[in-house]
Amino acid sequence: FKSCYKKSDTVLPLIHKPLRELYTLLIGNDLHCCSFRTNIRAYNSAFAFTSVSYKKDERINFIDGI
């Protein structure tokens, strides 16, 4: 780590401003925002191994709903 970063051989890209909704959760003072910040590590862990893509298997599900 020191051999690359301490000598300024590596330049990290700038971080883009987060979406307005996320930014509000990060800086807000209401109960919802405070709860989000308290549980942010749990949310991150939950989504770290979650697949966000979906492909419906037409062979299995023929009826929508219950």
N, C-alpha and C. Protein backbone atom coordinates (compact mmCIF):
# COMPACT_ATOMS: atom_id res chain seq x y z
N PHE A 1 0.82 -1.20 0.00
CA PHE A 1 0.00 0.00 0.00
C PHE A 1 0.86 1.26 0.00
N LYS A 2 1.79 1.33 0.93
CA LYS A 2 2.65 2.51 1.02
C LYS A 2 3.49 2.71 -0.24
N SER A 3 3.96 1.62 -0.81
CA SER A 3 4.85 1.75 -1.96
C SER A 3 4.16 2.41 -3.16
N CYS A 4 2.86 2.24 -3.30
CA CYS A 4 2.13 2.88 -4.41
C CYS A 4 1.57 4.24 -4.03
N TYR A 5 0.87 4.31 -2.92
CA TYR A 5 0.13 5.52 -2.59
C TYR A 5 0.98 6.62 -1.96
N LYS A 6 1.96 6.24 -1.19
CA LYS A 6 2.78 7.26 -0.53
C LYS A 6 3.62 8.04 -1.54
N LYS A 7 4.01 7.42 -2.63
CA LYS A 7 4.82 8.09 -3.64
C LYS A 7 3.96 8.79 -4.70
N SER A 8 2.66 8.75 -4.55
CA SER A 8 1.72 9.38 -5.49
C SER A 8 1.79 8.78 -6.89
N ASP A 9 2.11 7.49 -6.99
CA ASP A 9 2.13 6.83 -8.28
C ASP A 9 0.71 6.51 -8.76
N THR A 10 -0.22 6.44 -7.84
CA THR A 10 -1.59 6.08 -8.17
C THR A 10 -2.52 7.25 -7.89
N VAL A 11 -3.41 7.51 -8.83
CA VAL A 11 -4.40 8.58 -8.66
C VAL A 11 -5.78 7.92 -8.59
N LEU A 12 -6.47 8.14 -7.50
CA LEU A 12 -7.81 7.58 -7.35
C LEU A 12 -8.82 8.47 -8.07
N PRO A 13 -9.84 7.85 -8.71
CA PRO A 13 -10.85 8.66 -9.40
C PRO A 13 -11.71 9.42 -8.39
N LEU A 14 -12.26 10.55 -8.84
CA LEU A 14 -13.15 11.32 -7.99
C LEU A 14 -14.44 10.54 -7.75
N ILE A 15 -15.00 10.70 -6.57
CA ILE A 15 -16.26 10.05 -6.24
C ILE A 15 -17.40 10.97 -6.68
N HIS A 16 -18.34 10.41 -7.42
CA HIS A 16 -19.49 11.19 -7.88
C HIS A 16 -20.45 11.43 -6.72
N LYS A 17 -21.17 12.52 -6.78
CA LYS A 17 -22.16 12.84 -5.76
C LYS A 17 -23.25 11.77 -5.79
N PRO A 18 -23.66 11.24 -4.63
CA PRO A 18 -24.69 10.19 -4.62
C PRO A 18 -26.05 10.74 -5.04
N LEU A 19 -26.96 9.84 -5.37
CA LEU A 19 -28.31 10.24 -5.70
C LEU A 19 -28.92 11.04 -4.56
N ARG A 20 -29.85 11.92 -4.88
CA ARG A 20 -30.45 12.80 -3.88
C ARG A 20 -31.05 12.03 -2.71
N GLU A 21 -31.74 10.92 -2.98
CA GLU A 21 -32.37 10.14 -1.92
C GLU A 21 -31.32 9.57 -0.96
N LEU A 22 -30.24 9.03 -1.52
CA LEU A 22 -29.17 8.48 -0.68
C LEU A 22 -28.46 9.59 0.08
N TYR A 23 -28.21 10.69 -0.58
CA TYR A 23 -27.55 11.82 0.08
C TYR A 23 -28.38 12.32 1.26
N THR A 24 -29.69 12.37 1.09
CA THR A 24 -30.58 12.79 2.17
C THR A 24 -30.48 11.83 3.35
N LEU A 25 -30.44 10.53 3.07
CA LEU A 25 -30.31 9.54 4.15
C LEU A 25 -28.98 9.70 4.89
N LEU A 26 -27.94 10.09 4.16
CA LEU A 26 -26.62 10.21 4.77
C LEU A 26 -26.46 11.47 5.61
N ILE A 27 -27.17 12.54 5.28
CA ILE A 27 -26.96 13.80 6.01
C ILE A 27 -28.16 14.24 6.83
N GLY A 28 -29.33 13.61 6.64
CA GLY A 28 -30.55 14.04 7.33
C GLY A 28 -30.52 13.78 8.82
N ASN A 29 -31.40 14.46 9.55
CA ASN A 29 -31.46 14.32 11.01
C ASN A 29 -32.76 13.71 11.51
N ASP A 30 -33.68 13.34 10.61
CA ASP A 30 -34.93 12.76 11.09
C ASP A 30 -34.73 11.30 11.49
N LEU A 31 -35.76 10.70 12.06
CA LEU A 31 -35.67 9.34 12.59
C LEU A 31 -35.30 8.33 11.50
N HIS A 32 -35.88 8.49 10.31
CA HIS A 32 -35.62 7.57 9.20
C HIS A 32 -34.14 7.60 8.79
N CYS A 33 -33.58 8.79 8.69
CA CYS A 33 -32.18 8.95 8.30
C CYS A 33 -31.24 8.40 9.37
N CYS A 34 -31.54 8.69 10.63
CA CYS A 34 -30.70 8.18 11.73
C CYS A 34 -30.74 6.66 11.78
N SER A 35 -31.91 6.08 11.55
CA SER A 35 -32.04 4.62 11.53
C SER A 35 -31.23 4.03 10.39
N PHE A 36 -31.28 4.67 9.22
CA PHE A 36 -30.50 4.21 8.08
C PHE A 36 -29.02 4.18 8.40
N ARG A 37 -28.51 5.27 8.97
CA ARG A 37 -27.08 5.34 9.30
C ARG A 37 -26.69 4.33 10.37
N THR A 38 -27.59 4.08 11.32
CA THR A 38 -27.32 3.09 12.37
C THR A 38 -27.19 1.69 11.77
N ASN A 39 -28.00 1.41 10.75
CA ASN A 39 -28.06 0.06 10.18
C ASN A 39 -27.36 -0.07 8.84
N ILE A 40 -26.58 0.93 8.44
CA ILE A 40 -26.01 0.93 7.09
C ILE A 40 -25.08 -0.27 6.84
N ARG A 41 -24.35 -0.72 7.85
CA ARG A 41 -23.48 -1.88 7.65
C ARG A 41 -24.28 -3.15 7.42
N ALA A 42 -25.39 -3.29 8.12
CA ALA A 42 -26.26 -4.45 7.92
C ALA A 42 -26.86 -4.43 6.52
N TYR A 43 -27.30 -3.26 6.06
CA TYR A 43 -27.84 -3.14 4.70
C TYR A 43 -26.78 -3.49 3.67
N ASN A 44 -25.57 -2.99 3.87
CA ASN A 44 -24.49 -3.27 2.94
C ASN A 44 -24.19 -4.77 2.88
N SER A 45 -24.16 -5.41 4.04
CA SER A 45 -23.90 -6.85 4.10
C SER A 45 -25.01 -7.63 3.41
N ALA A 46 -26.25 -7.21 3.60
CA ALA A 46 -27.38 -7.91 2.99
C ALA A 46 -27.32 -7.85 1.47
N PHE A 47 -26.90 -6.71 0.93
CA PHE A 47 -26.87 -6.56 -0.52
C PHE A 47 -25.54 -6.97 -1.15
N ALA A 48 -24.53 -7.23 -0.36
CA ALA A 48 -23.21 -7.57 -0.89
C ALA A 48 -23.25 -8.87 -1.69
N PHE A 49 -24.07 -9.82 -1.27
CA PHE A 49 -24.13 -11.11 -1.95
C PHE A 49 -25.49 -11.33 -2.61
N THR A 50 -26.23 -10.27 -2.83
CA THR A 50 -27.55 -10.36 -3.44
C THR A 50 -27.44 -10.06 -4.93
N SER A 51 -28.02 -10.93 -5.74
CA SER A 51 -28.05 -10.69 -7.17
C SER A 51 -29.19 -9.74 -7.50
N VAL A 52 -28.92 -8.73 -8.28
CA VAL A 52 -29.95 -7.77 -8.63
C VAL A 52 -30.51 -8.00 -10.03
N SER A 53 -30.05 -9.03 -10.70
CA SER A 53 -30.61 -9.33 -12.01
C SER A 53 -31.65 -10.44 -11.87
N TYR A 54 -32.56 -10.50 -12.82
CA TYR A 54 -33.66 -11.45 -12.73
C TYR A 54 -34.01 -11.92 -14.13
N LYS A 55 -34.15 -13.21 -14.28
CA LYS A 55 -34.60 -13.77 -15.54
C LYS A 55 -35.69 -14.78 -15.21
N LYS A 56 -36.91 -14.49 -15.63
CA LYS A 56 -38.04 -15.35 -15.32
C LYS A 56 -37.90 -16.67 -16.07
N ASP A 57 -38.08 -17.76 -15.33
CA ASP A 57 -38.02 -19.09 -15.93
C ASP A 57 -39.43 -19.46 -16.35
N GLU A 58 -39.73 -19.35 -17.61
CA GLU A 58 -41.07 -19.60 -18.14
C GLU A 58 -41.48 -21.07 -18.00
N ARG A 59 -40.53 -21.96 -17.82
CA ARG A 59 -40.85 -23.38 -17.69
C ARG A 59 -41.49 -23.70 -16.35
N ILE A 60 -41.25 -22.87 -15.34
CA ILE A 60 -41.69 -23.18 -13.99
C ILE A 60 -42.94 -22.41 -13.59
N ASN A 61 -42.97 -21.13 -13.80
CA ASN A 61 -44.04 -20.28 -13.29
C ASN A 61 -45.05 -19.96 -14.39
N PHE A 62 -46.17 -20.69 -14.39
CA PHE A 62 -47.19 -20.47 -15.41
C PHE A 62 -48.30 -19.54 -14.94
N ILE A 63 -48.47 -19.39 -13.61
CA ILE A 63 -49.57 -18.60 -13.04
C ILE A 63 -48.99 -17.45 -12.24
N ASP A 64 -49.48 -16.23 -12.48
CA ASP A 64 -49.05 -15.08 -11.69
C ASP A 64 -49.84 -15.03 -10.39
N GLY A 65 -49.20 -14.65 -9.33
CA GLY A 65 -49.87 -14.51 -8.03
C GLY A 65 -50.12 -15.84 -7.35
N ILE A 66 -50.95 -15.77 -6.33
CA ILE A 66 -51.24 -16.99 -5.53
C ILE A 66 -52.52 -17.61 -5.99
